[in-house]
Amino acid sequence: MFWSVTAQLLEGLATTFEIFILTLVFALPLGLILAFGSMSKFKPLKFLLQVIIWIIRGTPLMLQLIIIFYGPGLWLSHNLWSGDEAGRITATVVAFSINYACYFSVIFRGGIEGVPVGQREAGEVLGMTKTQIFFKVTLLQMIKRVVPPMSNEIITLVKDTSLARIIAAYELTFAGFSYMKSAGITWPLFYTGVFYLLFVGILTLLFNYIEKKLAYFK
């Protein structure tokens, strides 16, 4: 029984890891784009993005996931996502990417605005272009500033992947919970927690290492 449970949980962990990685791949660059847009001097764009970010951050991720997965089929009389596992994972990644991009954008914006204006002005005096100033002056210092809050959000993402079971995606929590339904046993749920703890523990060590590497900016 132990090994069969372990095999099922590893299968669920693979889906959890897939959702986690794909969300970061899409949410990080989208968050940076939203950060620049929310800092734009074009007020209509700035206002629109700030409203979108406010709505996404102000409503539950579970609600957003349900709307994105079930909404198109009800509104368009056509299921945008296929009914198989791949379709459920795709819908999950879309919902998670939008949600976390909005959170990341706020962190990115704070990191960019936290870099002293004088340093950017010094770059202009030295004849650097805006692109050079961003990549050689602003970006490196921004990364140093955003790593701690970003690490918290990314660790939260690991745990939020469990919400995918709401639309019946077979992720880690779904795998553990299935044994309680089918066999009436609860220890697989506690065993599931071990997998999450190991996942989060590895990420914590990784971010601690990154913070030490960036300590030279102090």
Protein backbone atom coordinates (compact mmCIF):
# COMPACT_ATOMS: atom_id res chain seq x y z
CA MET A 1 0.00 0.00 0.00
CA PHE A 2 2.78 2.45 0.93
CA TRP A 3 4.54 2.08 -2.40
CA SER A 4 1.34 2.35 -4.42
CA VAL A 5 0.45 5.55 -2.54
CA THR A 6 3.97 6.88 -3.13
CA ALA A 7 3.69 6.15 -6.85
CA GLN A 8 0.36 7.98 -7.08
CA LEU A 9 1.66 10.95 -5.11
CA LEU A 10 4.72 11.17 -7.36
CA GLU A 11 2.41 11.26 -10.35
CA GLY A 12 0.44 14.06 -8.71
CA LEU A 13 3.69 15.83 -7.83
CA ALA A 14 4.71 15.78 -11.49
CA THR A 15 1.52 17.68 -12.37
CA THR A 16 2.05 20.07 -9.48
CA PHE A 17 5.58 20.75 -10.68
CA GLU A 18 4.34 21.27 -14.24
CA ILE A 19 1.77 23.85 -13.11
CA PHE A 20 4.40 25.54 -10.93
CA ILE A 21 7.03 25.84 -13.67
CA LEU A 22 4.63 26.91 -16.44
CA THR A 23 3.07 29.54 -14.18
CA LEU A 24 6.48 31.07 -13.48
CA VAL A 25 7.47 30.95 -17.17
CA PHE A 26 4.41 33.00 -18.14
CA ALA A 27 3.76 35.07 -15.00
CA LEU A 28 7.25 36.53 -14.52
CA PRO A 29 7.57 38.27 -17.93
CA LEU A 30 3.87 39.23 -17.92
CA GLY A 31 4.31 40.70 -14.45
CA LEU A 32 7.21 42.83 -15.68
CA ILE A 33 5.12 44.07 -18.62
CA LEU A 34 2.25 44.94 -16.29
CA ALA A 35 4.67 46.74 -13.98
CA PHE A 36 5.90 48.96 -16.82
CA GLY A 37 2.33 49.51 -18.01
CA SER A 38 1.15 50.53 -14.55
CA MET A 39 4.02 53.05 -14.44
CA SER A 40 3.24 54.39 -17.91
CA LYS A 41 2.82 58.12 -18.50
CA PHE A 42 -0.14 57.28 -20.74
CA LYS A 43 -2.85 57.68 -18.12
CA PRO A 44 -5.65 55.61 -19.74
CA LEU A 45 -3.34 52.57 -20.00
CA LYS A 46 -2.02 53.14 -16.50
CA PHE A 47 -5.54 53.40 -15.05
CA LEU A 48 -6.81 50.34 -16.95
CA LEU A 49 -3.94 48.13 -15.78
CA GLN A 50 -4.21 49.35 -12.20
CA VAL A 51 -7.92 48.46 -12.18
CA ILE A 52 -7.22 44.99 -13.62
CA ILE A 53 -4.48 44.37 -11.06
CA TRP A 54 -6.77 45.57 -8.27
CA ILE A 55 -9.57 43.20 -9.37
CA ILE A 56 -7.27 40.18 -9.72
CA ARG A 57 -5.54 40.79 -6.40
CA GLY A 58 -8.84 41.52 -4.67
CA THR A 59 -10.67 38.33 -5.66
CA PRO A 60 -9.87 34.70 -4.71
CA LEU A 61 -7.69 32.66 -7.05
CA MET A 62 -10.18 29.80 -6.67
CA LEU A 63 -12.96 32.00 -8.05
CA GLN A 64 -10.80 33.09 -10.97
CA LEU A 65 -9.92 29.48 -11.75
CA ILE A 66 -13.58 28.42 -11.78
CA ILE A 67 -14.57 31.35 -14.03
CA ILE A 68 -11.74 30.75 -16.50
CA PHE A 69 -12.42 27.01 -16.73
CA TYR A 70 -16.23 26.97 -16.78
CA GLY A 71 -17.00 30.48 -18.06
CA PRO A 72 -16.19 30.13 -21.77
CA GLY A 73 -18.32 26.99 -22.11
CA LEU A 74 -21.33 28.77 -20.55
CA TRP A 75 -20.89 32.05 -22.43
CA LEU A 76 -19.91 30.71 -25.85
CA SER A 77 -21.68 27.33 -25.76
CA HIS A 78 -18.30 25.91 -26.62
CA ASN A 79 -15.78 24.38 -24.24
CA LEU A 80 -12.59 26.38 -24.75
CA TRP A 81 -10.60 23.78 -22.83
CA SER A 82 -10.67 20.12 -23.75
CA GLY A 83 -12.28 17.93 -21.12
CA ASP A 84 -9.15 15.85 -20.63
CA GLU A 85 -6.32 16.34 -18.13
CA ALA A 86 -4.29 18.50 -20.54
CA GLY A 87 -7.18 20.95 -20.90
CA ARG A 88 -7.62 21.22 -17.14
CA ILE A 89 -3.93 21.87 -16.63
CA THR A 90 -3.93 24.48 -19.40
CA ALA A 91 -6.85 26.33 -17.80
CA THR A 92 -5.09 26.14 -14.43
CA VAL A 93 -1.88 27.59 -15.85
CA VAL A 94 -3.79 30.42 -17.55
CA ALA A 95 -5.62 31.34 -14.34
CA PHE A 96 -2.49 31.07 -12.20
CA SER A 97 -0.36 33.04 -14.66
CA ILE A 98 -2.80 35.96 -14.75
CA ASN A 99 -3.18 35.96 -10.97
CA TYR A 100 0.51 35.76 -10.13
CA ALA A 101 1.51 38.19 -12.88
CA CYS A 102 -0.57 40.83 -11.10
CA TYR A 103 1.11 40.11 -7.78
CA PHE A 104 4.55 40.03 -9.38
CA SER A 105 3.87 43.35 -11.15
CA VAL A 106 3.37 45.11 -7.83
CA ILE A 107 6.63 43.65 -6.52
CA PHE A 108 8.51 44.58 -9.71
CA ARG A 109 7.12 48.09 -9.62
CA GLY A 110 8.23 48.55 -6.01
CA GLY A 111 11.69 47.24 -6.89
CA ILE A 112 12.06 49.58 -9.87
CA GLU A 113 10.80 52.63 -8.00
CA GLY A 114 13.08 51.75 -5.07
CA VAL A 115 16.22 52.32 -7.13
CA PRO A 116 17.45 55.89 -6.44
CA VAL A 117 16.71 58.28 -9.29
CA GLY A 118 20.21 59.72 -8.93
CA GLN A 119 21.73 56.47 -10.16
CA ARG A 120 19.70 56.56 -13.34
CA GLU A 121 20.61 60.21 -13.83
CA ALA A 122 24.27 59.33 -13.36
CA GLY A 123 23.91 56.77 -16.14
CA GLU A 124 22.46 59.44 -18.43
CA VAL A 125 25.38 61.74 -17.64
CA LEU A 126 27.75 58.94 -18.65
CA GLY A 127 25.99 58.73 -22.00
CA MET A 128 24.18 55.45 -21.40
CA THR A 129 20.97 54.76 -23.29
CA LYS A 130 17.72 54.06 -21.44
CA THR A 131 18.07 50.37 -22.30
CA GLN A 132 21.62 50.26 -20.94
CA ILE A 133 20.56 52.09 -17.78
CA PHE A 134 17.72 49.61 -17.21
CA PHE A 135 19.81 46.46 -17.68
CA LYS A 136 23.07 47.65 -16.12
CA VAL A 137 21.79 49.91 -13.34
CA THR A 138 18.11 49.41 -12.54
CA LEU A 139 17.57 45.71 -13.22
CA LEU A 140 20.40 44.33 -11.07
CA GLN A 141 19.41 46.43 -8.06
CA MET A 142 15.74 45.68 -8.64
CA ILE A 143 16.45 41.93 -8.51
CA LYS A 144 18.17 42.37 -5.16
CA ARG A 145 15.15 44.23 -3.79
CA VAL A 146 12.47 41.87 -5.14
CA VAL A 147 14.00 38.50 -4.24
CA PRO A 148 12.61 38.34 -0.64
CA PRO A 149 8.98 39.21 -1.53
CA MET A 150 9.17 37.17 -4.73
CA SER A 151 10.37 34.13 -2.80
CA ASN A 152 7.32 34.40 -0.53
CA GLU A 153 4.96 34.56 -3.52
CA ILE A 154 6.67 31.66 -5.29
CA ILE A 155 6.47 29.49 -2.18
CA THR A 156 2.79 30.40 -1.90
CA LEU A 157 2.40 29.30 -5.52
CA VAL A 158 3.57 25.80 -4.58
CA LYS A 159 0.73 25.51 -2.09
CA ASP A 160 -1.80 27.22 -4.35
CA THR A 161 -1.34 24.50 -6.98
CA SER A 162 -3.61 22.40 -4.75
CA LEU A 163 -6.51 24.58 -5.93
CA ALA A 164 -6.32 22.82 -9.30
CA ARG A 165 -8.27 19.93 -7.77
CA ILE A 166 -11.32 22.24 -7.83
CA ILE A 167 -11.55 21.58 -11.58
CA ALA A 168 -10.51 17.93 -11.14
CA ALA A 169 -6.90 18.32 -12.27
CA TYR A 170 -4.93 15.37 -10.93
CA GLU A 171 -2.29 17.17 -8.86
CA LEU A 172 -0.63 16.26 -5.57
CA THR A 173 -3.51 17.04 -3.19
CA PHE A 174 -6.02 15.33 -5.47
CA ALA A 175 -3.87 12.19 -5.39
CA GLY A 176 -3.71 12.16 -1.59
CA PHE A 177 -7.40 12.97 -1.13
CA SER A 178 -8.48 10.20 -3.51
CA TYR A 179 -7.38 7.56 -0.99
CA MET A 180 -9.61 9.04 1.69
CA LYS A 181 -12.56 8.79 -0.68
CA SER A 182 -11.83 5.33 -2.06
CA ALA A 183 -10.18 3.52 0.87
CA GLY A 184 -11.31 5.58 3.85
CA ILE A 185 -7.75 6.19 5.06
CA THR A 186 -6.25 9.56 5.97
CA TRP A 187 -2.53 8.90 6.32
CA PRO A 188 -1.91 9.57 2.58
CA LEU A 189 -3.04 13.16 3.22
CA PHE A 190 -0.35 13.58 5.86
CA TYR A 191 2.12 11.92 3.51
CA THR A 192 1.09 14.47 0.87
CA GLY A 193 2.15 17.21 3.27
CA VAL A 194 5.66 15.72 3.34
CA PHE A 195 5.96 16.23 -0.42
CA TYR A 196 4.91 19.87 -0.10
CA LEU A 197 7.37 20.42 2.76
CA LEU A 198 10.23 18.97 0.70
CA PHE A 199 9.28 21.10 -2.30
CA VAL A 200 9.09 24.27 -0.22
CA GLY A 201 12.27 23.35 1.67
CA ILE A 202 14.25 23.06 -1.57
CA LEU A 203 12.93 26.43 -2.77
CA THR A 204 13.78 28.05 0.57
CA LEU A 205 17.38 26.83 0.35
CA LEU A 206 17.56 28.05 -3.25
CA PHE A 207 16.31 31.54 -2.41
CA ASN A 208 18.63 31.78 0.61
CA TYR A 209 21.52 30.97 -1.74
CA ILE A 210 20.37 33.61 -4.25
CA GLU A 211 20.05 36.26 -1.52
CA LYS A 212 23.61 35.54 -0.36
CA LYS A 213 24.89 35.83 -3.92
CA LEU A 214 23.18 39.22 -4.27
CA ALA A 215 24.53 40.49 -0.95
CA TYR A 216 27.27 42.46 -2.71
CA PHE A 217 24.69 45.16 -3.53
CA LYS A 218 24.57 46.18 0.16
